[in-house]
Amino acid sequence: MFFVIILHCLGKGGVLDAAKQGTVQYSSAWFLETFAYCAVNIFGMISGYVGYSETPKRTKYSNWILMWLQVVFYGAVTTVIFQLIMPDAVTKKDLFEMFLPVSKELYWYFTAYTALFFLMPLLNAAIRGCTEKQLKQMLIIILVVFVFYDNVTRKFGMEAGYTCLWLILLYLIGAIMKKCRIGEKIKPIPALLGILALVVVSWLWRLYGREIKILGVGVNAKTLVAYTSPTIVFAAMLYIIGFSKISFPRWSEKVIAFMAKGAFAVYLLN
């Protein structure tokens, strides 16, 4: 979530647009952007890594209802605050739409997650029914077709990762990593070094990359800084692998669990 805030401050905050190309500010801003870009992929993979289990579990639809209430509550609070501070910035349409966050797609991630949430039981059942060999084949297909190929061609409706389909694929990656113990031999420090290497490659390509076209298919300087970028996806996978190996003291687990509940609220307020 800290990474998400960085992305919003740099993008919506205007930092990237204000920084002049070729300056230290420009390079620094894009390094932060690149370093934080795997945030959404991490969230999606965590959903699969934590949400999947070998034994079927009852779907708690109340969890989604609570998330929906959070969205409406914080939407109402911020709208009222803007109504008081900047009355001209708030319209009757805004007041109406805050009660329809999914239909009006006020928060793209929550809208995409809604579709994923109701599919989770079916996705989990499908994964349970597959062998490890089949799941590894599925992982390879996802990476080759929807990460490497689609990131260049944009042929399968990924829309750079701002879709429910992308969240579903991230969920599958996380669940497959858990069931097949992907990366179980990778320790936290090598995982961290791998993340840094992938970030540096993406960052340098963003600064110095050139457009290259072969048979009508091309890459440009923006290709590796996207949710569907291979380097960004692999960095997120290494985050999951690295942090899954870390043991936390019992007392800190309760603190982490408490803090985690507020992460979604941070996104909504930001």
Protein backbone atom coordinates (compact mmCIF):
# COMPACT_ATOMS: atom_id res chain seq x y z
CA MET A 1 0.00 0.00 0.00
CA PHE A 2 2.98 2.27 0.63
CA PHE A 3 3.98 1.61 -2.98
CA VAL A 4 0.45 2.50 -4.16
CA ILE A 5 0.69 5.86 -2.39
CA ILE A 6 4.03 6.51 -4.10
CA LEU A 7 2.48 5.73 -7.49
CA HIS A 8 -0.44 8.07 -6.88
CA CYS A 9 1.76 10.91 -5.63
CA LEU A 10 4.11 10.63 -8.60
CA GLY A 11 1.35 10.18 -11.18
CA LYS A 12 -1.79 11.96 -10.00
CA GLY A 13 0.37 14.32 -7.96
CA GLY A 14 2.04 15.55 -11.14
CA VAL A 15 5.64 14.80 -10.17
CA LEU A 16 6.40 12.74 -13.30
CA ASP A 17 4.89 15.36 -15.59
CA ALA A 18 6.72 18.21 -13.86
CA ALA A 19 10.17 16.59 -13.92
CA LYS A 20 12.22 17.52 -16.99
CA GLN A 21 13.71 14.67 -18.96
CA GLY A 22 17.44 14.33 -18.52
CA THR A 23 17.50 15.81 -15.02
CA VAL A 24 18.31 14.09 -11.73
CA GLN A 25 14.72 14.78 -10.62
CA TYR A 26 13.38 12.96 -13.67
CA SER A 27 15.62 9.94 -13.15
CA SER A 28 14.84 9.81 -9.41
CA ALA A 29 11.10 10.14 -9.91
CA TRP A 30 11.06 7.33 -12.47
CA PHE A 31 13.19 5.10 -10.25
CA LEU A 32 10.62 5.49 -7.46
CA GLU A 33 7.82 4.88 -9.97
CA THR A 34 9.48 1.74 -11.29
CA PHE A 35 10.34 0.45 -7.82
CA ALA A 36 6.73 0.82 -6.65
CA TYR A 37 5.02 -0.34 -9.84
CA CYS A 38 4.63 -3.96 -8.75
CA ALA A 39 2.24 -2.93 -5.94
CA VAL A 40 -0.98 -3.99 -7.71
CA ASN A 41 0.59 -7.26 -8.87
CA ILE A 42 1.65 -8.01 -5.29
CA PHE A 43 -1.90 -7.43 -4.02
CA GLY A 44 -3.34 -9.68 -6.71
CA MET A 45 -0.84 -12.46 -6.06
CA ILE A 46 -1.34 -12.23 -2.31
CA SER A 47 -5.07 -12.75 -2.88
CA GLY A 48 -4.32 -16.06 -4.59
CA TYR A 49 -1.52 -17.10 -2.25
CA VAL A 50 -3.66 -16.54 0.84
CA GLY A 51 -7.07 -17.26 -0.67
CA TYR A 52 -6.27 -20.72 -1.98
CA SER A 53 -6.43 -23.79 0.27
CA GLU A 54 -6.37 -27.52 -0.36
CA THR A 55 -9.65 -27.93 1.52
CA PRO A 56 -12.76 -26.07 0.32
CA LYS A 57 -13.87 -23.17 2.51
CA ARG A 58 -17.23 -21.46 2.73
CA THR A 59 -17.23 -18.17 0.86
CA LYS A 60 -17.83 -15.28 3.23
CA TYR A 61 -19.86 -12.88 1.14
CA SER A 62 -20.01 -10.63 4.17
CA ASN A 63 -16.34 -9.79 3.54
CA TRP A 64 -17.23 -8.21 0.22
CA ILE A 65 -20.20 -6.38 1.75
CA LEU A 66 -17.89 -4.92 4.40
CA MET A 67 -15.48 -3.77 1.68
CA TRP A 68 -18.39 -2.20 -0.22
CA LEU A 69 -19.47 -0.37 2.94
CA GLN A 70 -15.92 0.89 3.40
CA VAL A 71 -15.90 2.24 -0.13
CA VAL A 72 -19.23 4.02 0.37
CA PHE A 73 -18.26 5.32 3.83
CA TYR A 74 -14.93 6.86 2.80
CA GLY A 75 -16.46 8.09 -0.44
CA ALA A 76 -19.18 9.85 1.56
CA VAL A 77 -16.69 11.32 4.04
CA THR A 78 -14.38 12.73 1.38
CA THR A 79 -17.31 14.00 -0.70
CA VAL A 80 -18.77 15.85 2.30
CA ILE A 81 -15.35 17.35 3.11
CA PHE A 82 -15.02 18.61 -0.48
CA GLN A 83 -18.61 19.88 -0.32
CA LEU A 84 -17.60 22.05 2.65
CA ILE A 85 -14.22 23.19 1.31
CA MET A 86 -14.91 23.41 -2.44
CA PRO A 87 -18.69 23.45 -2.98
CA ASP A 88 -18.33 24.04 -6.73
CA ALA A 89 -16.26 20.85 -7.11
CA VAL A 90 -19.11 18.59 -5.96
CA THR A 91 -22.24 17.97 -8.00
CA LYS A 92 -25.47 16.10 -7.30
CA LYS A 93 -24.17 13.42 -9.66
CA ASP A 94 -21.12 12.93 -7.40
CA LEU A 95 -23.37 12.51 -4.35
CA PHE A 96 -25.44 9.90 -6.20
CA GLU A 97 -22.54 7.98 -7.72
CA MET A 98 -20.68 7.45 -4.43
CA PHE A 99 -23.41 4.89 -3.54
CA LEU A 100 -22.72 2.97 -6.76
CA PRO A 101 -18.94 2.46 -6.57
CA VAL A 102 -18.87 -0.69 -8.71
CA SER A 103 -21.38 0.35 -11.38
CA LYS A 104 -19.69 3.73 -11.78
CA GLU A 105 -16.19 2.27 -11.35
CA LEU A 106 -15.15 4.93 -8.84
CA TYR A 107 -12.19 2.77 -7.82
CA TRP A 108 -11.00 0.53 -10.65
CA TYR A 109 -9.29 -1.94 -8.33
CA PHE A 110 -12.41 -2.52 -6.23
CA THR A 111 -14.52 -2.95 -9.36
CA ALA A 112 -12.06 -5.49 -10.78
CA TYR A 113 -11.72 -7.22 -7.40
CA THR A 114 -15.52 -7.58 -7.17
CA ALA A 115 -15.52 -9.79 -10.27
CA LEU A 116 -12.56 -11.75 -8.90
CA PHE A 117 -14.16 -12.20 -5.47
CA PHE A 118 -17.22 -14.02 -6.80
CA LEU A 119 -15.04 -16.22 -9.01
CA MET A 120 -12.62 -17.24 -6.25
CA PRO A 121 -14.50 -20.43 -5.18
CA LEU A 122 -14.54 -21.65 -8.79
CA LEU A 123 -10.90 -20.75 -9.37
CA ASN A 124 -9.90 -22.59 -6.19
CA ALA A 125 -11.91 -25.65 -7.22
CA ALA A 126 -10.25 -25.64 -10.63
CA ILE A 127 -6.79 -25.44 -9.07
CA ARG A 128 -7.56 -28.30 -6.67
CA GLY A 129 -8.59 -30.42 -9.63
CA CYS A 130 -5.31 -29.91 -11.48
CA THR A 131 -2.06 -31.77 -11.00
CA GLU A 132 1.13 -29.87 -10.22
CA LYS A 133 2.31 -30.53 -13.77
CA GLN A 134 -0.86 -29.01 -15.20
CA LEU A 135 -0.61 -25.99 -12.90
CA LYS A 136 3.01 -25.37 -13.89
CA GLN A 137 1.94 -25.56 -17.53
CA MET A 138 -0.82 -23.06 -16.75
CA LEU A 139 1.70 -20.73 -15.10
CA ILE A 140 3.97 -20.89 -18.15
CA ILE A 141 1.02 -20.15 -20.46
CA ILE A 142 -0.01 -17.13 -18.35
CA LEU A 143 3.53 -15.76 -18.37
CA VAL A 144 4.16 -16.38 -22.08
CA VAL A 145 0.76 -15.39 -23.50
CA PHE A 146 -0.55 -12.72 -21.12
CA VAL A 147 2.72 -11.24 -19.84
CA PHE A 148 5.37 -11.46 -22.56
CA TYR A 149 3.15 -11.54 -25.68
CA ASP A 150 0.26 -9.30 -24.63
CA ASN A 151 2.54 -6.71 -23.03
CA VAL A 152 3.97 -6.11 -26.49
CA THR A 153 0.98 -6.70 -28.76
CA ARG A 154 -1.99 -5.66 -26.54
CA LYS A 155 -4.15 -8.30 -28.25
CA PHE A 156 -5.97 -9.92 -25.32
CA GLY A 157 -7.70 -7.00 -23.62
CA MET A 158 -5.40 -6.67 -20.63
CA GLU A 159 -5.59 -2.86 -20.90
CA ALA A 160 -2.14 -2.59 -19.27
CA GLY A 161 -3.47 -4.49 -16.23
CA TYR A 162 -6.44 -2.29 -15.28
CA THR A 163 -8.99 -5.11 -15.68
CA CYS A 164 -10.61 -7.90 -13.71
CA LEU A 165 -9.02 -10.39 -16.14
CA TRP A 166 -5.57 -9.28 -15.03
CA LEU A 167 -6.51 -9.66 -11.34
CA ILE A 168 -7.82 -13.16 -12.08
CA LEU A 169 -4.51 -14.10 -13.72
CA LEU A 170 -2.59 -12.66 -10.75
CA TYR A 171 -4.78 -14.69 -8.39
CA LEU A 172 -3.97 -17.83 -10.37
CA ILE A 173 -0.24 -17.04 -10.26
CA GLY A 174 -0.33 -16.61 -6.48
CA ALA A 175 -2.38 -19.76 -5.92
CA ILE A 176 -0.15 -21.82 -8.22
CA MET A 177 2.96 -20.53 -6.47
CA LYS A 178 1.50 -21.68 -3.16
CA LYS A 179 0.31 -25.13 -4.26
CA CYS A 180 3.38 -25.93 -6.36
CA ARG A 181 5.81 -24.34 -3.89
CA ILE A 182 7.30 -22.15 -6.62
CA GLY A 183 10.54 -20.58 -5.43
CA GLU A 184 10.76 -22.61 -2.21
CA LYS A 185 14.56 -22.82 -2.56
CA ILE A 186 14.98 -19.05 -3.01
CA LYS A 187 15.95 -17.28 0.22
CA PRO A 188 14.87 -13.70 1.11
CA ILE A 189 18.21 -12.01 0.32
CA PRO A 190 18.55 -13.49 -3.21
CA ALA A 191 14.88 -12.60 -3.76
CA LEU A 192 15.60 -8.99 -2.78
CA LEU A 193 18.62 -8.84 -5.08
CA GLY A 194 16.50 -10.23 -7.89
CA ILE A 195 13.87 -7.54 -7.28
CA LEU A 196 16.51 -4.80 -7.40
CA ALA A 197 17.96 -6.19 -10.64
CA LEU A 198 14.54 -6.32 -12.30
CA VAL A 199 13.71 -2.79 -11.13
CA VAL A 200 17.02 -1.42 -12.44
CA VAL A 201 16.48 -3.08 -15.84
CA SER A 202 12.96 -1.60 -16.08
CA TRP A 203 14.17 1.81 -14.93
CA LEU A 204 17.11 2.01 -17.34
CA TRP A 205 14.89 0.93 -20.23
CA ARG A 206 12.38 3.63 -19.25
CA LEU A 207 15.15 6.25 -19.33
CA TYR A 208 17.11 5.12 -22.35
CA GLY A 209 14.93 2.61 -24.22
CA ARG A 210 14.05 3.21 -27.85
CA GLU A 211 11.13 2.07 -29.96
CA ILE A 212 11.88 -1.16 -31.79
CA LYS A 213 9.50 -2.77 -34.29
CA ILE A 214 9.73 -6.22 -35.80
CA LEU A 215 6.97 -7.50 -38.10
CA GLY A 216 4.59 -4.85 -36.84
CA VAL A 217 5.17 -5.73 -33.20
CA GLY A 218 7.18 -3.25 -31.18
CA VAL A 219 8.44 -2.20 -27.80
CA ASN A 220 9.19 1.28 -26.53
CA ALA A 221 10.53 3.02 -23.44
CA LYS A 222 7.23 2.43 -21.57
CA THR A 223 7.04 -1.31 -22.24
CA LEU A 224 8.77 -2.48 -19.04
CA VAL A 225 6.97 -0.07 -16.69
CA ALA A 226 3.49 -1.58 -16.72
CA TYR A 227 1.53 -4.04 -14.59
CA THR A 228 1.80 -6.59 -17.39
CA SER A 229 5.55 -6.06 -17.86
CA PRO A 230 7.60 -9.28 -17.42
CA THR A 231 10.09 -7.54 -15.14
CA ILE A 232 7.33 -6.07 -12.95
CA VAL A 233 5.48 -9.40 -12.75
CA PHE A 234 8.63 -11.35 -11.82
CA ALA A 235 9.51 -8.71 -9.21
CA ALA A 236 6.08 -9.19 -7.60
CA MET A 237 6.58 -12.96 -7.61
CA LEU A 238 9.93 -12.51 -5.84
CA TYR A 239 8.24 -10.31 -3.22
CA ILE A 240 5.77 -13.13 -2.51
CA ILE A 241 8.59 -15.69 -2.37
CA GLY A 242 10.85 -13.55 -0.19
CA PHE A 243 8.27 -12.50 2.37
CA SER A 244 6.77 -15.99 2.61
CA LYS A 245 10.12 -17.13 4.02
CA ILE A 246 10.29 -14.52 6.79
CA SER A 247 9.24 -15.57 10.28
CA PHE A 248 7.74 -12.87 12.48
CA PRO A 249 7.45 -12.94 16.29
CA ARG A 250 4.03 -13.92 17.62
CA TRP A 251 3.34 -10.46 19.05
CA SER A 252 4.08 -8.78 15.72
CA GLU A 253 1.65 -11.06 13.86
CA LYS A 254 -1.24 -9.46 15.73
CA VAL A 255 0.09 -5.98 14.92
CA ILE A 256 0.47 -6.88 11.23
CA ALA A 257 -3.02 -8.40 11.11
CA PHE A 258 -4.45 -5.22 12.68
CA MET A 259 -2.57 -2.92 10.31
CA ALA A 260 -3.53 -4.99 7.26
CA LYS A 261 -7.21 -4.26 7.87
CA GLY A 262 -6.51 -0.55 7.38
CA ALA A 263 -4.58 -0.94 4.12
CA PHE A 264 -7.72 -0.78 1.95
CA ALA A 265 -8.91 2.33 3.79
CA VAL A 266 -5.57 4.00 3.02
CA TYR A 267 -6.16 3.33 -0.69
CA LEU A 268 -9.69 4.76 -0.55
CA LEU A 269 -8.62 7.92 1.28
CA ASN A 270 -5.67 8.47 -1.00
